[in-house]
Amino acid sequence: MVTRRRALTGLLAGVIAATVALPASAQAANGTIGQRETVCASDLFVRTQPVGAWMGTLYQGQTFLVEGPRSGGYVYGFAYGHINRRGWVQDGWFC
């Protein structure tokens, strides 16, 4: 019984250690106005207006300059990379 308890305690400690060691960048955050933010989502649609027509897609690791304003969960700014134009993206998907 004592050996089984020790094994269970060791397993639990290993799970906790592995959980704590996860990288913090996996958690998405809201964009900061005036900052060039990195996209954390696997993909992020750039639109003509909040919930508007699709203009292109930013992919994880690409950047977006948050210029503001915010509207209905979307933020306005400049999408770098192959899109290379201003538009709206859903806020909350930046590293």
C-alpha atoms as a PDB file:
ATOM      1  CA  MET A   1       0.000   0.000   0.000  1.00  0.00           C
ATOM      2  CA  VAL A   2       2.836   2.419   0.855  1.00  0.00           C
ATOM      3  CA  THR A   3       4.609   1.687  -2.462  1.00  0.00           C
ATOM      4  CA  ARG A   4       1.401   2.336  -4.388  1.00  0.00           C
ATOM      5  CA  ARG A   5       0.886   5.644  -2.562  1.00  0.00           C
ATOM      6  CA  ARG A   6       4.479   6.714  -3.329  1.00  0.00           C
ATOM      7  CA  ALA A   7       4.005   5.881  -7.017  1.00  0.00           C
ATOM      8  CA  LEU A   8       0.776   7.866  -7.136  1.00  0.00           C
ATOM      9  CA  THR A   9       2.419  10.809  -5.365  1.00  0.00           C
ATOM     10  CA  GLY A  10       5.356  10.704  -7.820  1.00  0.00           C
ATOM     11  CA  LEU A  11       3.004  10.594 -10.793  1.00  0.00           C
ATOM     12  CA  LEU A  12       0.997  13.536  -9.473  1.00  0.00           C
ATOM     13  CA  ALA A  13       4.193  15.553  -8.890  1.00  0.00           C
ATOM     14  CA  GLY A  14       5.289  14.827 -12.476  1.00  0.00           C
ATOM     15  CA  VAL A  15       1.954  15.981 -13.909  1.00  0.00           C
ATOM     16  CA  ILE A  16       2.094  19.202 -11.888  1.00  0.00           C
ATOM     17  CA  ALA A  17       5.687  19.886 -12.971  1.00  0.00           C
ATOM     18  CA  ALA A  18       4.823  19.317 -16.627  1.00  0.00           C
ATOM     19  CA  THR A  19       1.806  21.632 -16.379  1.00  0.00           C
ATOM     20  CA  VAL A  20       3.826  24.434 -14.779  1.00  0.00           C
ATOM     21  CA  ALA A  21       6.487  24.102 -17.486  1.00  0.00           C
ATOM     22  CA  LEU A  22       4.060  24.934 -20.339  1.00  0.00           C
ATOM     23  CA  PRO A  23       5.089  28.063 -22.282  1.00  0.00           C
ATOM     24  CA  ALA A  24       3.173  31.245 -21.420  1.00  0.00           C
ATOM     25  CA  SER A  25       2.994  32.285 -25.082  1.00  0.00           C
ATOM     26  CA  ALA A  26       0.246  29.719 -25.655  1.00  0.00           C
ATOM     27  CA  GLN A  27      -2.219  32.100 -24.024  1.00  0.00           C
ATOM     28  CA  ALA A  28      -3.689  34.772 -26.277  1.00  0.00           C
ATOM     29  CA  ALA A  29      -4.107  38.405 -25.232  1.00  0.00           C
ATOM     30  CA  ASN A  30      -5.808  41.596 -26.381  1.00  0.00           C
ATOM     31  CA  GLY A  31      -3.867  43.910 -28.649  1.00  0.00           C
ATOM     32  CA  THR A  32      -2.319  47.101 -27.300  1.00  0.00           C
ATOM     33  CA  ILE A  33      -2.979  50.227 -29.345  1.00  0.00           C
ATOM     34  CA  GLY A  34       0.278  51.484 -30.841  1.00  0.00           C
ATOM     35  CA  GLN A  35       1.982  48.074 -30.644  1.00  0.00           C
ATOM     36  CA  ARG A  36       2.873  45.689 -33.438  1.00  0.00           C
ATOM     37  CA  GLU A  37       1.432  42.439 -32.102  1.00  0.00           C
ATOM     38  CA  THR A  38       2.192  38.837 -33.071  1.00  0.00           C
ATOM     39  CA  VAL A  39      -0.745  36.600 -33.979  1.00  0.00           C
ATOM     40  CA  CYS A  40      -1.085  33.676 -31.553  1.00  0.00           C
ATOM     41  CA  ALA A  41      -4.099  32.052 -33.241  1.00  0.00           C
ATOM     42  CA  SER A  42      -3.513  29.532 -36.031  1.00  0.00           C
ATOM     43  CA  ASP A  43      -5.276  31.979 -38.365  1.00  0.00           C
ATOM     44  CA  LEU A  44      -6.930  35.373 -38.004  1.00  0.00           C
ATOM     45  CA  PHE A  45      -9.217  36.917 -40.644  1.00  0.00           C
ATOM     46  CA  VAL A  46      -8.615  40.521 -41.709  1.00  0.00           C
ATOM     47  CA  ARG A  47     -11.909  42.230 -42.580  1.00  0.00           C
ATOM     48  CA  THR A  48     -13.069  45.476 -44.198  1.00  0.00           C
ATOM     49  CA  GLN A  49     -15.018  46.377 -41.023  1.00  0.00           C
ATOM     50  CA  PRO A  50     -16.037  44.563 -37.815  1.00  0.00           C
ATOM     51  CA  VAL A  51     -17.817  41.352 -38.969  1.00  0.00           C
ATOM     52  CA  GLY A  52     -17.386  42.669 -42.526  1.00  0.00           C
ATOM     53  CA  ALA A  53     -16.095  41.191 -45.755  1.00  0.00           C
ATOM     54  CA  TRP A  54     -12.953  39.046 -45.614  1.00  0.00           C
ATOM     55  CA  MET A  55      -9.779  40.649 -47.080  1.00  0.00           C
ATOM     56  CA  GLY A  56      -7.191  38.053 -46.153  1.00  0.00           C
ATOM     57  CA  THR A  57      -5.831  35.824 -43.404  1.00  0.00           C
ATOM     58  CA  LEU A  58      -2.967  36.349 -40.982  1.00  0.00           C
ATOM     59  CA  TYR A  59      -1.335  33.167 -39.718  1.00  0.00           C
ATOM     60  CA  GLN A  60       0.346  32.342 -36.412  1.00  0.00           C
ATOM     61  CA  GLY A  61       3.593  34.291 -36.067  1.00  0.00           C
ATOM     62  CA  GLN A  62       2.603  37.075 -38.486  1.00  0.00           C
ATOM     63  CA  THR A  63       2.138  40.615 -37.179  1.00  0.00           C
ATOM     64  CA  PHE A  64      -0.554  43.280 -36.941  1.00  0.00           C
ATOM     65  CA  LEU A  65      -0.009  46.918 -35.892  1.00  0.00           C
ATOM     66  CA  VAL A  66      -2.917  47.802 -33.593  1.00  0.00           C
ATOM     67  CA  GLU A  67      -3.906  51.370 -34.426  1.00  0.00           C
ATOM     68  CA  GLY A  68      -7.355  51.458 -32.799  1.00  0.00           C
ATOM     69  CA  PRO A  69     -10.221  52.078 -32.394  1.00  0.00           C
ATOM     70  CA  ARG A  70     -11.978  49.023 -30.945  1.00  0.00           C
ATOM     71  CA  SER A  71     -15.490  48.079 -31.967  1.00  0.00           C
ATOM     72  CA  GLY A  72     -17.553  45.066 -30.942  1.00  0.00           C
ATOM     73  CA  GLY A  73     -14.587  42.851 -30.108  1.00  0.00           C
ATOM     74  CA  TYR A  74     -12.620  43.926 -33.199  1.00  0.00           C
ATOM     75  CA  VAL A  75      -9.599  46.209 -33.490  1.00  0.00           C
ATOM     76  CA  TYR A  76      -8.393  48.317 -36.443  1.00  0.00           C
ATOM     77  CA  GLY A  77      -4.835  48.362 -37.730  1.00  0.00           C
ATOM     78  CA  PHE A  78      -2.288  47.357 -40.353  1.00  0.00           C
ATOM     79  CA  ALA A  79      -1.813  43.697 -41.327  1.00  0.00           C
ATOM     80  CA  TYR A  80       1.800  43.047 -42.357  1.00  0.00           C
ATOM     81  CA  GLY A  81       3.035  40.258 -44.622  1.00  0.00           C
ATOM     82  CA  HIS A  82       1.218  39.160 -47.746  1.00  0.00           C
ATOM     83  CA  ILE A  83      -1.912  41.213 -46.851  1.00  0.00           C
ATOM     84  CA  ASN A  84      -0.019  44.484 -46.324  1.00  0.00           C
ATOM     85  CA  ARG A  85      -3.067  46.719 -45.798  1.00  0.00           C
ATOM     86  CA  ARG A  86      -5.302  48.186 -43.121  1.00  0.00           C
ATOM     87  CA  GLY A  87      -8.334  46.365 -41.808  1.00  0.00           C
ATOM     88  CA  TRP A  88     -10.118  44.915 -38.798  1.00  0.00           C
ATOM     89  CA  VAL A  89      -9.286  41.723 -36.874  1.00  0.00           C
ATOM     90  CA  GLN A  90     -10.966  40.054 -33.941  1.00  0.00           C
ATOM     91  CA  ASP A  91      -9.207  41.211 -30.767  1.00  0.00           C
ATOM     92  CA  GLY A  92      -7.848  38.767 -28.207  1.00  0.00           C
ATOM     93  CA  TRP A  93      -5.718  36.581 -30.503  1.00  0.00           C
ATOM     94  CA  PHE A  94      -2.280  38.122 -29.970  1.00  0.00           C
ATOM     95  CA  CYS A  95       0.672  36.700 -28.023  1.00  0.00           C
END
